[in-house]
Amino acid sequence: MKDKGIITTYVLVFGAIFLLIISGLLTFILLQMKQSEQKVAWNQSLEIAEAGLDYYKWCLNNEIEDNCQTEINIEDLSGNIIGTASLEIISETYCGVVSSREIVSIGKTEKMPNVDRKIKLLYGKESVGTFAYLLNDNVWAGADREIKGFYHSNGGIRMDGENQSIVSSASPNGEWVCTDSFGCDSCPISDGCVYESRQCKCPGVFTTTDNAQPDLFSYPADYFNFDGITIDLADIKSIVEGSPQQYYWPPVTDINANGEGYHIKFLNDGTFEVWIITDLDRTYAYSEEEGWHYDYFTIGDEYRYLPPITVNSSCPVIFIEDNLWLDGKINGKVTIASADLINPNGETDIILSNDIEYTTLDGSDGLGVLAERNILISPNSPDNMEIRGIFIAQKGHFGRNHYNNNIRDVLEIYGSIVSNGRVGTQWTSGSQIVSGYTKRENYNDSSLIYYPPPFVSSVSSEFQTINWEEVE
């Protein structure tokens, strides 16, 4: 009987131990299964959140944003709902026009809705600020030049300066005719050019110095459609005229019969002054378009027309229906345009007579300058000149005319030059500098690529991902 009692005791003890082991094992298995399901849900939630972003990007690029849902069901290939994506949209607008969007997408699965993932995406269009230079003509970058940023021309490029980024040419068949005005009076055969049919034919991009980096030369590159980035100045004018601030000024003779143009001076406190020019001094000058002539770019007399005006950050756009002189210190983002849309035969220029600077360099300041024709540096510009912004000469060119015995030291440009015609801020005779700046430096401003001032041209019509991050 004692043996039977001991056996019974052993059975009970080992049975209890077995049950404990089985229970613990089952608990462990269930816990592992739950953790596995949570891990699957964790990964699926991220995929669902990304699917929500893709859905909204599709809405934007197909221009049906108003009909987009902010909470959508995500289905598998069989049509079964596997989760939902909730969207929150924060748009940055100027003058009622969206410039960029911040999209927050929260994804969660149908089985485990308590496990969610949140993604924040900044979505916008790449502006012409991606280029240091964007040109629509043949060009010669001199040996004094330092260029830090993409340099592209639809014509040929003689790059004798120092390039830190890609230099691309869309010249047909990867070649172009280099003439005397590009220093090819003696065809540089040793640098890849050939003399044929009394013409000096050179590669799309070539150099005659040791300054450049030929491994960064690209030709023939894709042709850049300048018509695609032409800004409708009439649209900008109508927006400005329709805004409560009315940052619009008509032809100057409507205000003063003796007016010669406007002078806008930006002040470092976020305001600007409007001056009316009543006298311009003439200077004997040469340009390829006009030959030798007198230009009238030096202000002789002017008066302040209005006291300082505060730039409205919600619509920081100024439209001048006349020639414009521009300088000062920019606080915030602002765009200024000059065009004559009243006279069908009229075209306006913008003259840079002094430095244009920013109050801060953290990306919060930015300037867009849009000229119907030319953007030109005046003959009385500083010996050491600094200008910042995106400068777009739609029908003309960016440059500085030839002035006899008018030589300056250093020109620093931080931003982008977009010019329909050939650019030039230095003139030489043989190997001698006879006019313009002896040293020129160009720095691309990366902060203006995706956060440009309003109405600055985009290089693509579609929105693109600027920044992607997962947030708590």
Foldseek 3Di string as FASTA:
>chain_A
DVVVVVVVVVCVVVVVVVVVVVVVVVVVVVVVVVVVVLVVQLVVQVVQQVVLVVQCLVCVQVVNNVPDDQKDFDADPVRHTFWIKGKDKDFAAALNHTAKIKIKIKIGTPVCRVRIFIKIFIKGFFFPLQAQEEEAEEEEADCQEAEEGEAEYQAAYAYNYAYPAAYEYQHPPQKDFDDVQNVVPPQPVVFAWDQDPNTTIHGSYTYDHPRYDCVRYYPPDDRADLVQQDFDVVVVQVSLCPDPVNLEDAECCVVPVQFDEWEWADEQVQWIWIKTARDFDWAFFADPVPGTDIDGQHGDDIGTPDPIDHQDQNHQEHEYAAEYEYAYEWEFAHEYEYANPPDPPDFYEYEYEEEYYYPDLPLRTEYHYYGQAEYEYELNYALAYEYEHEYAGSHYAYEYTFGAQREGEEYEYETHYYTHDYYYQWDADNNHTGHGYPHYYTHRRVSCRSPHHPSRGGSDPRMDTDDMDIDD
